[in-house]
Every structure is written in C-alpha cells, then in structure tokens.
N, C-alpha and C. Protein backbone atom coordinates (compact mmCIF):
# COMPACT_ATOMS: atom_id res chain seq x y z
N MET A 1 -55.32 -53.38 48.87
CA MET A 1 -53.96 -53.57 49.01
C MET A 1 -53.21 -52.37 48.89
N LYS A 2 -52.34 -52.26 49.41
CA LYS A 2 -51.33 -51.23 50.49
C LYS A 2 -49.92 -50.84 48.69
N THR A 3 -50.49 -49.30 48.65
CA THR A 3 -49.75 -49.22 47.35
C THR A 3 -48.36 -48.59 47.50
N LYS A 4 -47.30 -49.50 47.53
CA LYS A 4 -45.47 -48.58 47.89
C LYS A 4 -45.59 -47.50 47.50
N LEU A 5 -45.53 -46.48 47.89
CA LEU A 5 -44.68 -44.84 47.95
C LEU A 5 -42.66 -45.06 47.99
N SER A 6 -42.65 -45.06 46.55
CA SER A 6 -41.20 -44.79 46.30
C SER A 6 -40.64 -43.10 46.73
N LYS A 7 -39.49 -43.00 47.51
CA LYS A 7 -38.90 -41.79 47.35
C LYS A 7 -38.28 -40.96 46.75
N LYS A 8 -37.85 -40.53 45.77
CA LYS A 8 -37.25 -39.95 45.15
C LYS A 8 -36.79 -38.75 45.78
N ARG A 9 -35.63 -38.26 45.43
CA ARG A 9 -34.74 -37.04 45.79
C ARG A 9 -34.68 -35.89 44.14
N ALA A 10 -35.76 -34.94 44.44
CA ALA A 10 -36.50 -34.32 43.81
C ALA A 10 -34.48 -32.82 43.97
N ILE A 11 -34.58 -32.76 42.63
CA ILE A 11 -33.28 -30.81 43.25
C ILE A 11 -33.68 -29.80 43.71
N SER A 12 -33.53 -29.53 44.67
CA SER A 12 -34.24 -28.15 45.25
C SER A 12 -34.33 -27.12 44.88
N THR A 13 -35.14 -26.40 45.30
CA THR A 13 -35.69 -24.78 44.25
C THR A 13 -34.23 -24.50 44.23
N VAL A 14 -33.18 -23.72 45.42
CA VAL A 14 -31.73 -23.08 45.78
C VAL A 14 -31.29 -23.82 44.33
N LEU A 15 -30.77 -25.10 44.63
CA LEU A 15 -30.02 -25.47 43.55
C LEU A 15 -30.35 -25.40 42.42
N THR A 16 -31.82 -25.25 42.21
CA THR A 16 -32.37 -25.17 40.52
C THR A 16 -31.76 -23.34 40.23
N THR A 17 -32.28 -23.13 40.76
CA THR A 17 -32.40 -21.38 41.25
C THR A 17 -30.70 -20.69 40.78
N VAL A 18 -29.55 -22.19 41.21
CA VAL A 18 -28.27 -21.59 40.95
C VAL A 18 -27.76 -22.13 39.48
N ILE A 19 -28.06 -23.39 39.53
CA ILE A 19 -27.69 -23.57 38.15
C ILE A 19 -28.61 -22.72 36.85
N ILE A 20 -29.44 -22.09 37.00
CA ILE A 20 -30.38 -20.98 36.35
C ILE A 20 -28.64 -19.76 36.00
N LEU A 21 -28.80 -19.55 36.96
CA LEU A 21 -27.67 -18.10 37.27
C LEU A 21 -26.60 -18.29 36.83
N VAL A 22 -26.03 -19.06 36.97
CA VAL A 22 -24.43 -20.05 36.84
C VAL A 22 -24.95 -19.89 35.07
N SER A 23 -25.77 -20.53 34.43
CA SER A 23 -25.55 -20.67 33.22
C SER A 23 -26.09 -19.84 31.78
N SER A 24 -26.89 -19.03 32.98
CA SER A 24 -27.00 -17.33 31.55
C SER A 24 -25.77 -16.65 32.04
N VAL A 25 -24.55 -16.60 33.42
CA VAL A 25 -23.65 -16.18 33.32
C VAL A 25 -22.29 -16.60 32.09
N VAL A 26 -22.28 -18.20 32.07
CA VAL A 26 -21.47 -18.38 31.07
C VAL A 26 -22.11 -18.36 29.93
N LEU A 27 -23.58 -17.92 29.48
CA LEU A 27 -24.00 -17.88 28.33
C LEU A 27 -23.66 -16.83 27.25
N GLY A 28 -24.10 -15.80 28.96
CA GLY A 28 -23.91 -14.43 28.80
C GLY A 28 -22.28 -13.70 28.59
N SER A 29 -21.41 -14.69 29.02
CA SER A 29 -19.61 -14.19 28.54
C SER A 29 -18.94 -14.36 27.34
N GLY A 30 -20.13 -15.93 26.76
CA GLY A 30 -20.15 -16.59 25.65
C GLY A 30 -20.09 -14.82 24.66
N VAL A 31 -21.57 -14.74 24.73
CA VAL A 31 -21.80 -14.38 24.01
C VAL A 31 -21.44 -12.93 23.92
N VAL A 32 -20.66 -12.43 25.11
CA VAL A 32 -19.93 -10.83 24.79
C VAL A 32 -18.32 -11.04 24.28
N LEU A 33 -17.62 -12.60 24.22
CA LEU A 33 -16.30 -12.59 23.88
C LEU A 33 -16.57 -12.77 21.87
N TYR A 34 -17.62 -13.38 22.21
CA TYR A 34 -17.79 -13.53 20.49
C TYR A 34 -17.75 -12.17 20.11
N GLY A 35 -18.96 -11.72 20.41
CA GLY A 35 -19.11 -10.12 20.13
C GLY A 35 -17.67 -8.91 19.94
N THR A 36 -17.31 -9.31 21.44
CA THR A 36 -15.33 -8.71 21.47
C THR A 36 -15.29 -8.52 19.99
N SER A 37 -14.56 -10.15 19.52
CA SER A 37 -13.76 -10.81 18.43
C SER A 37 -14.01 -10.60 17.48
N LEU A 38 -15.75 -10.01 17.02
CA LEU A 38 -15.88 -9.93 16.16
C LEU A 38 -15.98 -8.15 15.59
N PHE A 39 -16.80 -6.96 16.82
CA PHE A 39 -15.77 -5.64 16.89
C PHE A 39 -14.30 -5.74 16.51
N GLN A 40 -13.54 -6.54 17.55
CA GLN A 40 -11.87 -6.56 17.29
C GLN A 40 -11.92 -6.33 15.52
N GLY A 41 -12.42 -7.98 14.65
CA GLY A 41 -11.49 -8.20 13.11
C GLY A 41 -12.26 -7.54 12.44
N ALA A 42 -13.83 -6.31 12.67
CA ALA A 42 -14.03 -5.28 11.94
C ALA A 42 -13.41 -4.32 12.01
N ALA A 43 -12.40 -3.69 13.30
CA ALA A 43 -12.24 -2.88 13.48
C ALA A 43 -10.51 -2.23 12.63
N GLN A 44 -9.95 -3.66 12.59
CA GLN A 44 -8.63 -3.80 12.23
C GLN A 44 -9.31 -2.84 10.48
N THR A 45 -8.36 -1.90 9.91
CA THR A 45 -8.81 -1.84 8.58
C THR A 45 -7.44 -2.17 7.91
N GLU A 46 -7.52 -2.03 6.77
CA GLU A 46 -5.95 -2.21 5.98
C GLU A 46 -6.15 -0.52 4.58
N GLU A 47 -5.64 -0.29 4.52
CA GLU A 47 -6.01 1.26 4.03
C GLU A 47 -4.30 2.24 3.31
N ILE A 48 -4.32 2.54 2.93
CA ILE A 48 -3.23 3.32 2.01
C ILE A 48 -4.01 4.97 1.60
N THR A 49 -2.78 5.75 2.18
CA THR A 49 -2.54 6.62 1.61
C THR A 49 -1.54 7.16 0.93
N VAL A 50 -2.23 7.42 -0.51
CA VAL A 50 -1.13 8.10 -1.62
C VAL A 50 -0.66 9.58 -2.19
N SER A 51 0.05 9.40 -1.53
CA SER A 51 -0.18 10.86 -2.03
C SER A 51 0.75 11.32 -3.14
N GLY A 52 0.97 12.65 -3.91
CA GLY A 52 2.12 13.34 -4.83
C GLY A 52 2.44 12.25 -5.66
N THR A 53 1.44 11.73 -6.95
CA THR A 53 1.56 10.55 -7.58
C THR A 53 2.26 11.69 -8.87
N LYS A 54 2.89 11.09 -9.32
CA LYS A 54 3.64 11.67 -11.13
C LYS A 54 3.27 10.76 -12.10
N LEU A 55 3.11 11.47 -13.13
CA LEU A 55 3.48 10.48 -14.13
C LEU A 55 4.53 11.55 -15.49
N TRP A 56 5.32 11.40 -16.26
CA TRP A 56 6.09 11.91 -17.48
C TRP A 56 6.76 11.25 -18.68
N VAL A 57 6.31 12.07 -19.74
CA VAL A 57 6.06 11.65 -20.78
C VAL A 57 7.36 12.34 -21.37
N HIS A 58 8.00 11.77 -22.74
CA HIS A 58 9.30 12.17 -23.15
C HIS A 58 8.29 12.19 -24.02
N SER A 59 8.33 14.28 -24.34
CA SER A 59 7.84 15.22 -24.64
C SER A 59 8.09 14.99 -25.89
N THR A 60 9.25 14.31 -26.68
CA THR A 60 9.83 14.62 -28.61
C THR A 60 9.65 12.94 -29.14
N ASP A 61 10.10 11.77 -28.00
CA ASP A 61 11.45 10.54 -27.62
C ASP A 61 9.93 9.83 -28.76
N GLY A 62 9.52 9.05 -29.88
CA GLY A 62 8.43 8.56 -30.12
C GLY A 62 8.36 7.04 -30.04
N THR A 63 9.20 6.75 -28.75
CA THR A 63 8.73 5.06 -28.14
C THR A 63 8.10 5.24 -27.27
N GLY A 64 7.28 6.70 -26.48
CA GLY A 64 6.40 6.62 -25.54
C GLY A 64 7.45 5.92 -23.94
N ILE A 65 8.59 6.59 -24.52
CA ILE A 65 9.29 6.03 -22.40
C ILE A 65 8.58 7.42 -21.61
N ALA A 66 7.88 6.85 -20.52
CA ALA A 66 7.21 7.85 -19.98
C ALA A 66 7.34 6.87 -18.36
N TRP A 67 7.92 7.84 -17.39
CA TRP A 67 8.27 7.17 -15.94
C TRP A 67 7.11 7.68 -14.71
N GLY A 68 6.51 6.83 -13.29
CA GLY A 68 5.70 8.13 -12.86
C GLY A 68 6.33 7.93 -11.49
N ALA A 69 5.99 8.70 -10.55
CA ALA A 69 6.57 8.48 -9.09
C ALA A 69 5.18 8.14 -8.12
N THR A 70 4.88 7.91 -6.64
CA THR A 70 4.53 7.98 -5.73
C THR A 70 4.67 7.82 -4.40
N ALA A 71 3.92 8.09 -3.32
CA ALA A 71 4.78 8.58 -2.07
C ALA A 71 3.69 7.61 -1.88
N VAL A 72 3.50 6.13 -0.34
CA VAL A 72 2.98 5.66 0.26
C VAL A 72 3.34 5.47 1.45
N ARG A 73 2.04 5.24 2.09
CA ARG A 73 2.15 4.89 3.27
C ARG A 73 0.93 4.28 3.57
N ASN A 74 1.34 3.23 4.74
CA ASN A 74 0.04 2.59 5.48
C ASN A 74 -0.19 2.98 6.92
N SER A 75 -1.85 3.62 6.29
CA SER A 75 -2.36 4.32 7.39
C SER A 75 -3.43 3.13 8.01
N GLY A 76 -3.39 2.23 7.47
CA GLY A 76 -4.11 0.81 8.63
C GLY A 76 -4.08 0.59 9.75
N ASP A 77 -4.87 -0.43 10.33
CA ASP A 77 -4.07 -1.31 11.57
C ASP A 77 -3.26 -2.69 10.57
N LYS A 78 -3.69 -2.97 9.94
CA LYS A 78 -2.85 -4.77 9.51
C LYS A 78 -1.61 -4.08 8.18
N VAL A 79 -1.11 -4.69 8.74
CA VAL A 79 0.22 -5.20 7.95
C VAL A 79 -0.21 -5.13 6.44
N LEU A 80 0.29 -4.64 5.44
CA LEU A 80 -0.31 -4.46 3.69
C LEU A 80 1.67 -5.10 3.23
N SER A 81 0.89 -5.00 1.84
CA SER A 81 1.96 -4.97 0.43
C SER A 81 1.44 -4.79 -0.68
N VAL A 82 2.00 -3.58 -1.49
CA VAL A 82 1.62 -2.33 -2.37
C VAL A 82 1.97 -3.62 -3.33
N ASP A 83 1.06 -4.13 -4.34
CA ASP A 83 1.21 -5.66 -4.88
C ASP A 83 0.57 -5.39 -6.29
N LYS A 84 0.00 -3.84 -6.81
CA LYS A 84 0.09 -3.52 -8.31
C LYS A 84 0.00 -2.52 -8.39
N ILE A 85 0.14 -1.71 -9.69
CA ILE A 85 0.64 -0.54 -10.00
C ILE A 85 0.05 0.10 -11.33
N THR A 86 -0.87 0.22 -11.79
CA THR A 86 -1.47 0.29 -13.58
C THR A 86 -1.56 1.86 -13.61
N VAL A 87 -1.14 1.75 -14.50
CA VAL A 87 -1.11 3.38 -15.42
C VAL A 87 -2.33 3.01 -16.82
N ARG A 88 -3.44 3.60 -17.39
CA ARG A 88 -4.49 3.60 -17.74
C ARG A 88 -4.34 2.00 -18.37
N GLY A 89 -4.76 1.67 -17.05
CA GLY A 89 -5.89 0.02 -16.89
C GLY A 89 -4.55 -1.09 -17.00
N VAL A 90 -2.90 -0.50 -18.23
CA VAL A 90 -1.96 -1.46 -17.96
C VAL A 90 -0.96 -1.50 -17.06
N GLU A 91 -0.86 -2.60 -16.72
CA GLU A 91 -0.07 -3.14 -15.14
C GLU A 91 0.96 -2.38 -15.09
N ILE A 92 1.57 -3.02 -14.36
CA ILE A 92 3.10 -2.49 -14.39
C ILE A 92 4.50 -2.96 -13.10
N GLY A 93 4.64 -4.46 -13.68
CA GLY A 93 5.53 -5.04 -12.54
C GLY A 93 6.33 -4.82 -11.55
N PRO A 94 5.90 -5.53 -10.53
CA PRO A 94 7.44 -4.76 -9.53
C PRO A 94 8.94 -4.86 -9.77
N SER A 95 8.84 -5.81 -10.95
CA SER A 95 9.88 -5.90 -11.90
C SER A 95 10.43 -4.30 -12.47
N GLN A 96 9.87 -3.70 -12.49
CA GLN A 96 9.48 -2.00 -13.27
C GLN A 96 9.69 -0.82 -11.53
N TRP A 97 9.67 -1.56 -11.04
CA TRP A 97 9.82 -0.44 -9.60
C TRP A 97 10.95 -0.54 -9.10
N TYR A 98 11.16 0.90 -8.62
CA TYR A 98 12.02 1.29 -7.71
C TYR A 98 11.94 2.24 -6.78
N VAL A 99 12.39 1.22 -4.95
CA VAL A 99 11.80 1.81 -4.09
C VAL A 99 13.44 2.21 -3.30
N ASP A 100 12.34 3.36 -2.15
CA ASP A 100 13.51 4.10 -1.44
C ASP A 100 11.55 3.80 0.14
N SER A 101 12.39 2.75 0.93
CA SER A 101 11.27 2.69 2.16
C SER A 101 12.03 3.50 3.37
N THR A 102 13.40 4.02 3.43
CA THR A 102 14.14 3.96 4.34
C THR A 102 14.22 6.09 4.42
N LEU A 103 12.80 6.19 4.30
CA LEU A 103 12.97 8.19 3.84
C LEU A 103 12.71 8.75 4.99
N THR A 104 13.43 9.88 5.20
CA THR A 104 13.31 11.00 5.93
C THR A 104 11.77 11.28 6.37
N THR A 105 11.29 12.03 6.77
CA THR A 105 10.21 12.80 7.21
C THR A 105 10.04 14.34 6.01
N VAL A 106 11.52 14.81 6.02
CA VAL A 106 11.60 15.78 4.97
C VAL A 106 11.69 15.43 3.70
N GLU A 107 12.36 14.19 3.09
CA GLU A 107 12.66 13.65 1.89
C GLU A 107 10.83 12.95 1.28
N PHE A 108 10.57 12.08 2.44
CA PHE A 108 9.27 11.65 2.24
C PHE A 108 8.04 13.22 2.21
N GLY A 109 8.58 14.10 2.78
CA GLY A 109 7.69 15.04 2.05
C GLY A 109 7.73 15.75 1.30
N THR A 110 8.71 15.80 0.32
CA THR A 110 9.33 16.79 -0.37
C THR A 110 8.76 16.28 -1.96
N ALA A 111 8.67 17.14 -3.05
CA ALA A 111 8.19 17.12 -3.70
C ALA A 111 8.74 15.43 -4.60
N LEU A 112 8.19 14.65 -5.44
CA LEU A 112 8.86 14.20 -6.06
C LEU A 112 9.37 14.11 -7.78
N SER A 113 11.17 14.27 -8.18
CA SER A 113 11.68 14.96 -8.85
C SER A 113 11.37 14.37 -10.59
N HIS A 114 11.49 14.33 -11.29
CA HIS A 114 11.93 14.31 -12.49
C HIS A 114 12.66 13.04 -12.80
N PRO A 115 13.19 11.93 -12.73
CA PRO A 115 14.34 10.62 -12.65
C PRO A 115 15.24 11.02 -13.88
N GLY A 116 14.18 12.27 -14.79
CA GLY A 116 15.59 12.73 -15.86
C GLY A 116 15.64 11.41 -17.06
N TRP A 117 16.20 11.39 -18.48
CA TRP A 117 16.38 10.97 -19.62
C TRP A 117 17.46 10.46 -19.75
N ALA A 118 18.61 9.89 -19.34
CA ALA A 118 20.38 10.21 -18.93
C ALA A 118 19.98 8.35 -20.17
N ASP A 119 19.49 8.00 -20.16
CA ASP A 119 19.84 6.58 -20.29
C ASP A 119 19.21 5.99 -20.64
N ILE A 120 18.36 6.58 -21.45
CA ILE A 120 16.56 6.10 -22.16
C ILE A 120 16.89 4.19 -22.93
N ALA A 121 17.77 3.86 -23.90
CA ALA A 121 17.97 2.57 -24.31
C ALA A 121 18.05 1.24 -23.08
N ASN A 122 18.61 1.97 -22.29
CA ASN A 122 19.08 1.01 -20.71
C ASN A 122 18.58 0.73 -19.12
N GLY A 123 18.02 1.93 -19.37
CA GLY A 123 17.52 2.10 -17.84
C GLY A 123 17.21 3.18 -17.80
N PRO A 124 16.96 3.22 -15.87
CA PRO A 124 16.74 4.02 -15.13
C PRO A 124 17.84 5.22 -14.93
N GLN A 125 18.32 5.74 -15.22
CA GLN A 125 19.95 6.52 -15.46
C GLN A 125 19.30 8.00 -15.49
N ILE A 126 19.92 8.80 -14.22
CA ILE A 126 19.64 10.02 -14.82
C ILE A 126 21.48 10.19 -14.40
N ALA A 127 21.45 11.82 -14.55
CA ALA A 127 22.40 12.89 -14.96
C ALA A 127 22.64 12.63 -13.28
N TYR A 128 23.87 12.10 -12.57
CA TYR A 128 24.33 12.52 -11.40
C TYR A 128 25.08 13.80 -10.29
N ILE A 129 24.48 14.73 -10.06
CA ILE A 129 24.77 15.54 -9.57
C ILE A 129 24.59 15.02 -8.16
N GLY A 130 25.51 16.20 -7.26
CA GLY A 130 25.00 16.29 -5.27
C GLY A 130 25.32 15.27 -4.83
N ALA A 131 24.20 14.61 -4.70
CA ALA A 131 24.04 14.06 -3.33
C ALA A 131 23.80 12.11 -4.36
N CYS A 132 23.72 12.31 -5.29
CA CYS A 132 23.49 11.14 -6.71
C CYS A 132 24.76 11.44 -7.27
N ALA A 133 26.43 11.34 -6.81
CA ALA A 133 27.67 11.09 -8.01
C ALA A 133 27.66 9.68 -8.71
N THR A 134 27.24 8.47 -7.98
CA THR A 134 27.30 7.38 -8.47
C THR A 134 25.77 6.69 -9.37
N GLY A 135 26.03 5.44 -10.06
CA GLY A 135 24.83 4.70 -9.77
C GLY A 135 24.94 3.84 -10.52
N SER A 136 23.86 2.75 -10.99
CA SER A 136 24.08 1.37 -12.11
C SER A 136 22.27 1.06 -12.78
N PRO A 137 22.29 -0.15 -13.38
CA PRO A 137 21.08 0.28 -13.81
C PRO A 137 19.74 -0.10 -13.25
N GLN A 138 20.88 -0.60 -12.17
CA GLN A 138 19.69 -1.53 -10.85
C GLN A 138 19.54 -0.45 -9.86
N TYR A 139 19.83 0.38 -9.76
CA TYR A 139 19.77 2.10 -8.71
C TYR A 139 19.03 2.99 -9.12
N LEU A 140 17.85 3.20 -8.81
CA LEU A 140 17.86 4.91 -9.20
C LEU A 140 17.60 6.04 -8.26
N CYS A 141 18.59 7.60 -8.45
CA CYS A 141 18.91 8.35 -7.46
C CYS A 141 18.35 9.63 -7.86
N VAL A 142 17.79 9.78 -7.13
CA VAL A 142 17.14 11.23 -7.68
C VAL A 142 17.09 12.38 -6.52
N ASP A 143 18.24 13.13 -6.80
CA ASP A 143 18.54 14.17 -6.18
C ASP A 143 17.90 15.73 -5.73
N LEU A 144 17.71 16.28 -4.10
CA LEU A 144 16.54 16.76 -4.14
C LEU A 144 17.56 17.70 -3.00
N GLY A 145 18.61 17.96 -3.61
CA GLY A 145 18.85 19.19 -2.40
C GLY A 145 19.43 19.31 -1.82
N SER A 146 18.99 20.22 -0.77
CA SER A 146 19.70 20.54 0.35
C SER A 146 18.62 19.44 1.33
N ALA A 147 17.25 18.58 0.68
CA ALA A 147 16.96 17.84 1.66
C ALA A 147 17.56 16.20 1.77
N GLY A 148 18.22 16.32 0.57
CA GLY A 148 18.78 14.75 0.09
C GLY A 148 18.82 14.00 -1.00
N ALA A 149 17.99 12.68 -0.75
CA ALA A 149 17.87 11.89 -2.17
C ALA A 149 17.07 11.33 -2.07
N PHE A 150 16.59 10.83 -3.07
CA PHE A 150 16.09 9.41 -2.83
C PHE A 150 16.48 8.30 -3.63
N ASN A 151 17.85 7.27 -2.81
CA ASN A 151 18.13 6.58 -3.31
C ASN A 151 16.96 4.92 -3.53
N ALA A 152 16.84 4.30 -4.79
CA ALA A 152 15.53 3.52 -4.38
C ALA A 152 15.87 2.44 -5.34
N SER A 153 16.04 1.38 -4.85
CA SER A 153 16.76 -0.19 -5.23
C SER A 153 15.38 -0.80 -6.16
N ALA A 154 16.16 -1.67 -7.73
CA ALA A 154 15.56 -2.29 -7.68
C ALA A 154 14.65 -3.12 -7.65
N SER A 155 13.06 -3.05 -7.82
CA SER A 155 12.34 -4.10 -6.32
C SER A 155 12.17 -5.73 -7.20
N THR A 156 12.70 -6.60 -6.13
CA THR A 156 12.01 -7.67 -6.76
C THR A 156 10.53 -8.38 -6.33
N GLY A 157 9.81 -7.63 -5.51
CA GLY A 157 8.42 -7.78 -5.72
C GLY A 157 7.78 -6.91 -4.70
N SER A 158 6.61 -8.01 -4.44
CA SER A 158 5.65 -6.26 -3.53
C SER A 158 6.37 -5.85 -2.62
N LEU A 159 5.21 -4.60 -2.41
CA LEU A 159 6.35 -4.09 -1.37
C LEU A 159 5.63 -3.97 0.22
N GLY A 160 6.07 -4.33 0.99
CA GLY A 160 5.39 -4.69 2.12
C GLY A 160 5.50 -2.90 3.52
N LEU A 161 4.57 -3.32 3.84
CA LEU A 161 4.38 -2.05 4.75
C LEU A 161 3.95 -2.43 6.17
N ASN A 162 4.65 -2.05 6.61
CA ASN A 162 3.64 -2.25 8.51
C ASN A 162 3.06 -1.00 8.88
N THR A 163 2.35 -0.90 9.35
CA THR A 163 1.39 0.23 9.94
C THR A 163 2.03 1.37 10.24
N GLY A 164 1.75 2.97 9.49
CA GLY A 164 2.55 3.60 9.78
C GLY A 164 4.15 3.75 8.63
N ASP A 165 4.84 2.63 8.33
CA ASP A 165 5.54 2.82 7.27
C ASP A 165 5.31 3.05 5.85
N THR A 166 6.10 4.35 5.76
CA THR A 166 6.35 5.40 4.22
C THR A 166 6.57 4.30 3.19
N ALA A 167 7.11 4.77 2.43
CA ALA A 167 8.29 4.54 1.16
C ALA A 167 7.04 5.53 -0.48
N VAL A 168 9.18 6.01 -0.90
CA VAL A 168 8.98 6.33 -3.06
C VAL A 168 8.80 4.66 -3.45
N ILE A 169 7.99 4.90 -4.60
CA ILE A 169 8.27 4.04 -5.47
C ILE A 169 8.35 4.87 -6.95
N TYR A 170 8.68 4.87 -7.59
CA TYR A 170 9.60 5.11 -9.00
C TYR A 170 8.73 4.17 -9.93
N PHE A 171 8.23 4.25 -10.77
CA PHE A 171 7.94 3.09 -12.16
C PHE A 171 8.13 3.73 -13.42
N LYS A 172 8.59 2.24 -14.15
CA LYS A 172 8.66 2.54 -15.60
C LYS A 172 7.70 2.49 -16.11
N VAL A 173 7.16 3.09 -16.59
CA VAL A 173 5.57 2.62 -17.30
C VAL A 173 6.11 1.74 -19.05
N ASN A 174 5.41 0.64 -19.85
CA ASN A 174 5.61 0.44 -20.43
C ASN A 174 6.00 1.04 -21.25
N ASN A 175 6.91 1.17 -22.34
CA ASN A 175 6.56 1.84 -23.82
C ASN A 175 5.15 1.79 -24.68
N GLY A 176 5.08 2.95 -24.51
CA GLY A 176 3.88 3.19 -25.66
C GLY A 176 2.47 3.05 -24.86
N THR A 177 2.40 2.25 -23.51
CA THR A 177 1.04 2.71 -22.95
C THR A 177 1.01 4.64 -23.21
N LEU A 178 1.97 5.14 -23.10
CA LEU A 178 1.32 6.83 -23.28
C LEU A 178 2.73 7.31 -24.45
N THR A 179 1.95 8.50 -24.72
CA THR A 179 2.60 8.67 -26.23
C THR A 179 3.03 10.26 -26.05
N THR A 180 3.65 10.94 -27.03
CA THR A 180 3.80 12.52 -26.75
C THR A 180 2.87 13.34 -27.03
N LEU A 181 1.76 12.60 -27.51
CA LEU A 181 0.14 13.73 -27.85
C LEU A 181 -0.61 13.57 -26.23
N ASP A 182 -0.09 12.33 -25.22
CA ASP A 182 -0.45 12.14 -23.85
C ASP A 182 -0.18 13.77 -22.65
N ALA A 183 0.54 14.46 -23.64
CA ALA A 183 1.42 15.47 -22.35
C ALA A 183 0.19 16.68 -22.31
N GLY A 184 0.47 16.57 -21.43
CA GLY A 184 -0.92 17.46 -20.48
C GLY A 184 -2.29 16.77 -20.75
N ALA A 185 -2.45 16.00 -21.53
CA ALA A 185 -3.79 15.03 -20.62
C ALA A 185 -3.87 14.53 -19.19
N THR A 186 -5.19 14.50 -18.91
CA THR A 186 -5.20 13.49 -17.46
C THR A 186 -5.80 12.10 -17.85
N THR A 187 -5.17 10.94 -16.91
CA THR A 187 -5.33 9.63 -17.52
C THR A 187 -5.13 8.94 -15.56
N THR A 188 -5.61 7.25 -16.06
CA THR A 188 -5.31 7.32 -14.75
C THR A 188 -4.66 6.15 -14.28
N VAL A 189 -3.89 6.47 -12.80
CA VAL A 189 -2.96 5.53 -11.97
C VAL A 189 -3.49 5.21 -10.64
N GLY A 190 -3.62 3.66 -11.58
CA GLY A 190 -3.84 2.52 -10.21
C GLY A 190 -3.38 2.02 -9.02
N ILE A 191 -3.01 2.62 -7.34
CA ILE A 191 -2.22 1.92 -7.04
C ILE A 191 -3.25 0.92 -5.62
N PHE A 192 -2.88 -0.20 -5.68
CA PHE A 192 -3.32 -1.23 -4.78
C PHE A 192 -2.23 -1.48 -3.37
N ALA A 193 -2.64 -2.26 -2.69
CA ALA A 193 -2.34 -3.48 -1.54
C ALA A 193 -3.32 -4.31 -1.31
N GLY A 194 -3.31 -5.22 -2.21
CA GLY A 194 -4.46 -6.25 -2.06
C GLY A 194 -6.25 -5.04 -1.75
N VAL A 195 -6.73 -5.68 -1.18
CA VAL A 195 -7.96 -4.46 -1.89
C VAL A 195 -7.64 -3.06 -1.01
N ALA A 196 -7.14 -2.82 -0.13
CA ALA A 196 -7.05 -1.37 -0.09
C ALA A 196 -6.47 -0.53 -1.42
N GLY A 197 -6.66 0.89 -1.43
CA GLY A 197 -6.10 1.61 -2.86
C GLY A 197 -7.50 1.76 -3.80
N GLY A 198 -6.75 2.14 -4.59
CA GLY A 198 -7.76 2.61 -5.78
C GLY A 198 -6.97 3.17 -7.16
N PRO A 199 -7.97 3.62 -8.46
CA PRO A 199 -7.16 4.68 -9.07
C PRO A 199 -7.64 6.12 -8.89
N LEU A 200 -6.27 6.97 -9.24
CA LEU A 200 -6.09 8.24 -9.44
C LEU A 200 -6.20 8.90 -10.60
N SER A 201 -6.49 9.94 -10.60
CA SER A 201 -6.90 10.60 -11.58
C SER A 201 -5.97 11.41 -12.08
N ILE A 202 -4.68 11.86 -13.25
CA ILE A 202 -2.95 12.31 -12.85
C ILE A 202 -3.12 13.16 -14.57
N SER A 203 -3.00 14.46 -13.74
CA SER A 203 -2.13 15.09 -15.24
C SER A 203 -1.09 14.73 -15.64
N ILE A 204 -0.63 14.28 -17.61
CA ILE A 204 0.52 14.09 -17.43
C ILE A 204 1.69 15.25 -17.84
N ILE A 205 2.78 14.73 -17.50
CA ILE A 205 2.86 15.94 -17.39
C ILE A 205 4.24 15.66 -19.19
N GLY A 206 5.12 16.64 -19.47
CA GLY A 206 5.50 16.56 -20.97
C GLY A 206 6.73 16.58 -20.79
N LEU A 207 8.22 15.79 -20.74
CA LEU A 207 9.68 16.71 -21.20
C LEU A 207 10.54 16.34 -22.08
N SER A 208 11.06 16.66 -22.36
CA SER A 208 12.13 16.23 -23.41
C SER A 208 13.56 16.62 -22.39
C-alpha cells in the first residue's frame, strides 16, 4: 500500500527570524515607554517652601488674641493648594486667613510685620499709615515703609499656587489657643498643602 504524502507549507527560517525581531522591538518599546512614564510621574514633586513664619500674642489682653503670618512658595513641579494651617494642633480655618499673592520680589523678601491690635473686637484692623491709608474688616494692610505694603484680602478657601508662585498669609489665631503666659515660649505651627508641608517650631512674640 502506498502512503500518500501531504505537502504542508512551513514558515521559512528567515520569516521566523523577522517575526522574532519585530516582536522583540515592540515589547522593548513598550517596556521603555512604561518605564519613562513611571519616571516622569515619580520626578514630579509636591513641595512648598515656608519662610519668615511668626506668631504674636497680646501680652496683656486676657482673651488670648493672637496673630500669625507666613510666606509660602510652591517649589515643586505640581500645582498645589495650601489648605491647612495649625497652631499648637488647633486648625485655623481659611475664613481666618488674609492672603496677598501679588507680591513683588522686594515685598516677598521683607520681614513680616505685626498687623497691630487697633480693632481687637471687630477684626483685623491696624493703624493705617503710609501705604495703608484705608481699610475694612475684610482687608488687611501691613505697611512696609519704602518697600510698599502687604495688601491681603480675606480668604474664601484654600490658596492655589502654580509652580514658582509665592504668597504671604496672615492668619487670626483662635482666641485662647495662646495666652499672655506663652510670650517667649516655643510652639508648633503647621503649614500644609495636601501631602506637602509640615510643622515648624516657632518662638511666640508678646506685644501690647
């Protein structure tokens, strides 16, 4: 009996080699792209630089009225929102912030000045002099003499900062968080923008 032989076409050696090479290139490109995307995601950082932070407490007023101020800069690669300030663990809500984000380089680099106690009962009023001729309870102006002035409006929420943006925040500390006895002591102030930021150790200044 004769056995019938069937002819089947096999993939040539050359074609097999080409397929293997193409597959290797495609897979390699996918790995490189995936690794690049991971690197780019990891390279983008969330970071804020906080400077010049100060705390003032009234050295004779028994209600424990106090103010704080800080300068912040988005020194990372992502848009950030400063969304939390704490003093001695007590959160200071954005409704008690007064923000100036339109600062010149000179103003941003000037030491933060005390806002004054001119209107303890009704709000953040100061003795308006020089560059601070007028004001209202929803507006805080701190005269810097020849450097200009901090013109801070009452905040309505968290403070958004693009990369490289700067701002100064004055914040009204909740009455009673600090007392006259705290003058000269050290306490913690936390400035946070999401996962960025952290607590600072600040010496409390007593003023009357």
